[in-house]
Protein backbone atom coordinates (compact mmCIF):
# COMPACT_ATOMS: atom_id res chain seq x y z
CA MET A 1 -60.30 45.14 68.69
CA THR A 2 -59.56 41.66 66.98
CA GLN A 3 -56.26 40.01 66.98
CA ASP A 4 -55.94 39.01 63.62
CA LEU A 5 -53.70 35.88 64.13
CA PHE A 6 -53.96 34.99 60.67
CA ARG A 7 -51.43 38.03 59.66
CA SER A 8 -48.55 35.91 61.48
CA ASP A 9 -49.57 32.25 60.35
CA ALA A 10 -52.20 31.56 57.40
CA TYR A 11 -51.93 27.74 58.26
CA LEU A 12 -54.13 28.29 61.25
CA GLY A 13 -57.22 26.58 60.58
CA GLU A 14 -58.81 27.11 63.95
CA CYS A 15 -58.73 28.85 67.10
CA THR A 16 -60.42 29.58 70.66
CA ALA A 17 -61.75 33.36 71.50
CA THR A 18 -64.62 34.75 72.97
CA VAL A 19 -67.36 36.71 71.80
CA THR A 20 -66.68 40.70 72.25
CA ALA A 21 -69.78 41.93 70.42
CA ILE A 22 -72.81 40.66 68.52
CA ASN A 23 -74.27 43.68 66.48
CA ASP A 24 -76.48 43.89 63.24
CA GLN A 25 -72.84 44.17 60.87
CA GLY A 26 -72.01 40.54 62.64
CA VAL A 27 -70.40 39.09 65.48
CA ALA A 28 -66.88 40.27 66.77
CA LEU A 29 -64.14 38.24 68.57
CA ASP A 30 -61.42 39.23 70.48
CA ARG A 31 -58.63 37.16 68.03
CA THR A 32 -59.50 34.99 64.72
CA VAL A 33 -58.02 33.53 62.30
CA PHE A 34 -60.64 34.38 59.61
CA TYR A 35 -59.50 36.96 57.16
CA PRO A 36 -61.68 39.67 56.46
CA LEU A 37 -62.50 40.99 52.71
CA GLY A 38 -59.79 43.41 51.71
CA GLY A 39 -57.01 43.81 49.36
CA GLY A 40 -58.93 42.43 46.66
CA GLN A 41 -59.18 39.16 48.79
CA ALA A 42 -62.35 37.54 49.63
CA GLY A 43 -63.31 37.07 53.24
CA ASP A 44 -63.16 34.06 54.68
CA ALA A 45 -65.73 31.36 55.77
CA GLY A 46 -66.47 28.69 58.00
CA MET A 47 -68.02 28.12 61.10
CA LEU A 48 -68.19 29.21 65.10
CA VAL A 49 -68.40 26.21 67.20
CA LEU A 50 -70.17 26.71 70.63
CA ALA A 51 -68.92 24.95 73.81
CA ASP A 52 -72.13 22.75 73.58
CA GLY A 53 -71.27 21.71 70.12
CA THR A 54 -73.75 24.11 68.20
CA GLU A 55 -72.29 25.00 65.11
CA ILE A 56 -72.96 28.41 63.51
CA SER A 57 -71.99 28.37 60.25
CA ILE A 58 -70.09 31.79 58.77
CA ILE A 59 -70.01 32.91 55.32
CA ASP A 60 -68.70 36.01 54.66
CA THR A 61 -65.77 38.07 57.00
CA ARG A 62 -65.68 41.59 56.36
CA LYS A 63 -64.26 44.76 58.78
CA GLY A 64 -66.45 46.44 61.14
CA LYS A 65 -67.58 50.31 61.07
CA ASP A 66 -67.93 52.86 63.10
CA GLU A 67 -70.98 54.92 63.11
CA ALA A 68 -69.31 57.47 60.71
CA GLY A 69 -68.83 54.56 58.49
CA ARG A 70 -65.04 54.19 59.16
CA PHE A 71 -63.44 50.77 58.96
CA SER A 72 -62.70 49.77 63.10
CA SER A 73 -59.98 47.41 64.34
CA ASP A 74 -63.01 44.91 64.82
CA ILE A 75 -63.44 41.59 62.64
CA LEU A 76 -66.97 40.52 61.95
CA HIS A 77 -68.28 37.37 61.09
CA LEU A 78 -71.42 36.84 59.08
CA PRO A 79 -73.41 34.28 59.93
CA GLN A 80 -75.46 32.15 57.41
CA LEU A 81 -79.67 33.12 58.62
CA HIS A 82 -82.30 30.98 58.37
CA GLY A 83 -85.59 31.56 56.88
CA ASP A 84 -85.92 34.62 54.43
CA GLY A 85 -83.15 36.41 56.18
CA THR A 86 -85.24 38.99 57.59
CA VAL A 87 -84.33 38.05 61.32
CA SER A 88 -81.17 40.32 62.48
CA ILE A 89 -78.16 38.58 63.36
CA GLN A 90 -78.82 39.38 67.38
CA THR A 91 -82.06 37.45 67.34
CA PHE A 92 -80.34 34.94 65.27
CA CYS A 93 -77.65 34.15 67.77
CA THR A 94 -79.93 34.50 70.53
CA GLU A 95 -81.93 31.30 69.03
CA ARG A 96 -78.58 29.66 68.72
CA GLY A 97 -77.52 30.36 72.21
CA LEU A 98 -74.58 32.39 71.29
CA LYS A 99 -73.93 35.82 73.65
CA LEU A 100 -71.34 38.04 74.43
CA GLY A 101 -68.29 36.88 77.07
CA ASP A 102 -69.26 33.04 75.68
CA SER A 103 -66.00 30.97 74.66
CA VAL A 104 -65.87 29.38 70.99
CA THR A 105 -63.58 27.85 68.97
CA ALA A 106 -63.63 29.91 65.13
CA ARG A 107 -62.92 27.63 62.71
CA ILE A 108 -62.44 28.27 58.65
CA ASP A 109 -63.13 26.33 55.80
CA TRP A 110 -59.48 25.12 54.84
CA ALA A 111 -60.45 23.93 51.53
CA ARG A 112 -61.90 27.25 50.23
CA ARG A 113 -59.03 28.98 52.09
CA HIS A 114 -56.31 27.28 50.52
CA ARG A 115 -57.69 27.97 47.38
CA LEU A 116 -57.64 31.35 48.11
CA MET A 117 -53.92 31.88 48.99
CA ARG A 118 -52.47 29.74 46.20
CA PHE A 119 -54.66 32.16 43.79
CA HIS A 120 -53.22 35.33 45.72
CA THR A 121 -49.64 33.66 45.64
CA THR A 122 -50.33 33.38 41.86
CA THR A 123 -50.91 37.43 41.58
CA HIS A 124 -47.41 38.05 43.37
CA LEU A 125 -46.06 35.67 40.23
CA LEU A 126 -48.27 37.85 37.83
CA CYS A 127 -46.83 40.78 38.83
CA HIS A 128 -43.05 39.69 38.25
CA LEU A 129 -44.29 38.54 34.98
CA VAL A 130 -45.87 41.66 33.91
CA PRO A 131 -44.13 44.44 35.41
CA GLN A 132 -46.69 47.22 35.43
CA LEU A 133 -48.85 48.83 37.78
CA VAL A 134 -51.81 47.24 38.78
CA ASN A 135 -55.65 49.22 39.07
CA GLY A 136 -57.31 46.30 40.07
CA CYS A 137 -57.16 43.05 41.54
CA SER A 138 -60.13 40.12 42.70
CA ILE A 139 -59.01 36.97 44.61
CA THR A 140 -62.23 34.28 44.89
CA PRO A 141 -61.62 31.02 45.56
CA ASP A 142 -62.88 29.99 41.97
CA TYR A 143 -60.69 32.52 39.86
CA ALA A 144 -58.74 35.62 40.39
CA ARG A 145 -58.04 38.71 38.40
CA LEU A 146 -55.28 41.34 38.37
CA ASP A 147 -55.99 44.49 36.00
CA PHE A 148 -52.68 45.89 34.30
CA ASN A 149 -52.15 49.91 33.65
CA MET A 150 -50.39 48.82 30.34
CA THR A 151 -51.47 49.41 26.14
CA ASP A 152 -49.34 45.88 24.70
CA PRO A 153 -51.08 43.06 24.14
CA LEU A 154 -50.14 40.10 26.38
CA ASP A 155 -49.79 36.28 25.87
CA LYS A 156 -52.06 33.59 27.58
CA ASP A 157 -49.64 30.72 27.30
CA ALA A 158 -46.82 32.95 27.63
CA LEU A 159 -48.14 33.54 30.77
CA SER A 160 -49.33 30.47 31.76
CA ALA A 161 -45.78 29.31 31.24
CA GLY A 162 -44.12 31.55 33.34
CA ILE A 163 -46.00 30.64 36.12
CA ALA A 164 -45.72 26.91 35.77
CA MET A 165 -41.74 27.68 35.81
CA LEU A 166 -41.56 29.94 39.51
CA VAL A 167 -44.05 26.94 40.39
CA ALA A 168 -41.48 24.41 39.19
CA ALA A 169 -39.05 26.86 40.96
CA ALA A 170 -40.07 26.29 44.31
CA HIS A 171 -39.26 29.84 45.38
CA PRO A 172 -40.24 30.34 49.29
CA VAL A 173 -42.82 32.43 50.23
CA ALA A 174 -41.58 34.86 53.67
CA VAL A 175 -43.77 37.18 55.55
CA GLY A 176 -42.06 40.42 57.18
CA SER A 177 -42.32 44.12 57.55
CA ILE A 178 -40.88 47.58 56.78
CA THR A 179 -41.23 50.77 58.23
CA ASP A 180 -43.19 53.78 56.83
CA GLU A 181 -40.08 55.95 56.12
CA GLU A 182 -38.69 52.54 54.56
CA LEU A 183 -41.51 52.40 52.03
CA ASP A 184 -41.49 56.25 51.71
CA ALA A 185 -38.14 56.12 50.59
CA ASN A 186 -38.97 53.24 48.21
CA PRO A 187 -42.47 54.10 46.75
CA ALA A 188 -41.90 51.71 43.94
CA LEU A 189 -42.71 48.79 45.95
CA VAL A 190 -46.11 49.90 45.69
CA LYS A 191 -47.46 48.38 42.62
CA SER A 192 -50.93 48.96 43.05
CA MET A 193 -52.29 52.62 42.01
CA SER A 194 -55.46 52.03 43.85
CA VAL A 195 -55.09 50.99 47.45
CA GLN A 196 -52.28 52.54 49.42
CA PRO A 197 -50.78 50.04 52.46
CA PRO A 198 -52.65 50.58 55.92
CA ARG A 199 -50.50 52.77 58.12
CA GLY A 200 -50.96 53.60 61.67
CA THR A 201 -48.54 51.20 63.05
CA GLY A 202 -45.29 52.13 61.99
CA ARG A 203 -44.57 49.23 60.20
CA ILE A 204 -46.14 47.58 57.29
CA ARG A 205 -46.60 44.05 56.13
CA THR A 206 -44.88 42.70 53.52
CA ILE A 207 -44.34 39.75 51.04
CA ARG A 208 -41.24 38.41 50.14
CA ILE A 209 -41.31 35.75 47.05
CA GLY A 210 -37.50 34.09 46.05
CA GLN A 211 -34.70 33.70 48.99
CA THR A 212 -31.19 33.74 46.29
CA GLU A 213 -33.71 35.22 43.24
CA LEU A 214 -36.06 38.00 44.31
CA ILE A 215 -39.07 37.20 42.62
CA ASP A 216 -41.72 39.71 43.93
CA PHE A 217 -41.20 42.26 47.00
CA GLN A 218 -44.37 44.31 48.11
CA PRO A 219 -46.43 45.30 50.70
CA CYS A 220 -49.59 43.10 51.21
CA GLY A 221 -52.23 41.64 53.56
CA GLY A 222 -53.43 38.87 52.26
CA THR A 223 -52.87 35.26 53.09
CA HIS A 224 -50.25 33.31 50.84
CA VAL A 225 -48.63 29.86 50.79
CA ALA A 226 -45.06 29.36 52.05
CA ASN A 227 -43.78 28.33 48.92
CA THR A 228 -44.72 28.51 45.00
CA SER A 229 -44.73 25.05 44.85
CA GLU A 230 -48.00 24.49 46.46
CA ILE A 231 -49.53 26.67 44.36
CA GLY A 232 -50.06 23.84 41.63
CA ALA A 233 -51.74 23.73 38.65
CA VAL A 234 -52.69 27.15 38.35
CA VAL A 235 -53.34 28.95 34.64
CA VAL A 236 -54.38 32.11 33.17
CA THR A 237 -57.82 31.36 31.14
CA LYS A 238 -58.38 34.68 30.12
CA ILE A 239 -56.94 37.67 28.63
CA GLU A 240 -59.24 40.75 27.92
CA LYS A 241 -58.45 44.57 26.66
CA LYS A 242 -60.49 46.27 29.61
CA SER A 243 -59.76 50.32 28.09
CA ALA A 244 -56.88 51.51 26.13
CA THR A 245 -54.96 51.10 29.21
CA THR A 246 -55.91 48.46 30.94
CA ARG A 247 -55.20 44.51 30.11
CA ARG A 248 -57.24 42.09 32.30
CA VAL A 249 -55.36 38.81 33.03
CA VAL A 250 -57.53 36.16 34.62
CA LEU A 251 -56.47 32.94 36.91
CA GLY A 252 -58.11 29.99 37.33
CA PHE A 253 -56.90 26.20 38.45
CA ALA A 254 -56.19 23.94 35.12
CA PRO A 255 -58.90 21.16 34.81
């Protein structure tokens, strides 16, 4: 089981960790600052630094899977393999001197992560500006998109202006949690039609934007900035009609 340090502090750029597994899915650690692909957000990239200073580039992070294909509690770091990519992860790690039980420093690509945090927080602002259910989401370092279940048209400039106002208002962003029972009593907190919050621990992680004025409050496991002012210049670059009942809003950084 990997301790997910990013859940409580998205600003941790690195941590020391112990290698607990090396297999064809990747390298597992006992704890990590790397966010794995999930909830629409891309997995982190970065590097593992060995005790002798050797650096292993990590190009993606994923949740582990068991033999039945179900997600496990491991978080797997995918190394950048050399050559034609036919070498196995186990062989590659052996060649680089990485083995079970080794102590490493797990270090994320912070600039890339911060872009993900800014975009992910902006998608929550969009949920405030467009109070409709979401039926698709993708958050990358270069752009983000939300697919809203709706038929009415949306105005790109109006949404960009709304985002700018919420960014300028410097609303705090807080991580919290609610119980399974509290979520059951308030099902409208879930704004995604396709993804349900993970259960099993008795508590569900939440993101709240706004203190005196509530901007957004919903279950979410991703990484976010601590204040909307940190988002900077993010604008709506495109609005598409994906189907009769779907409007896609694409976000990008302002030139």
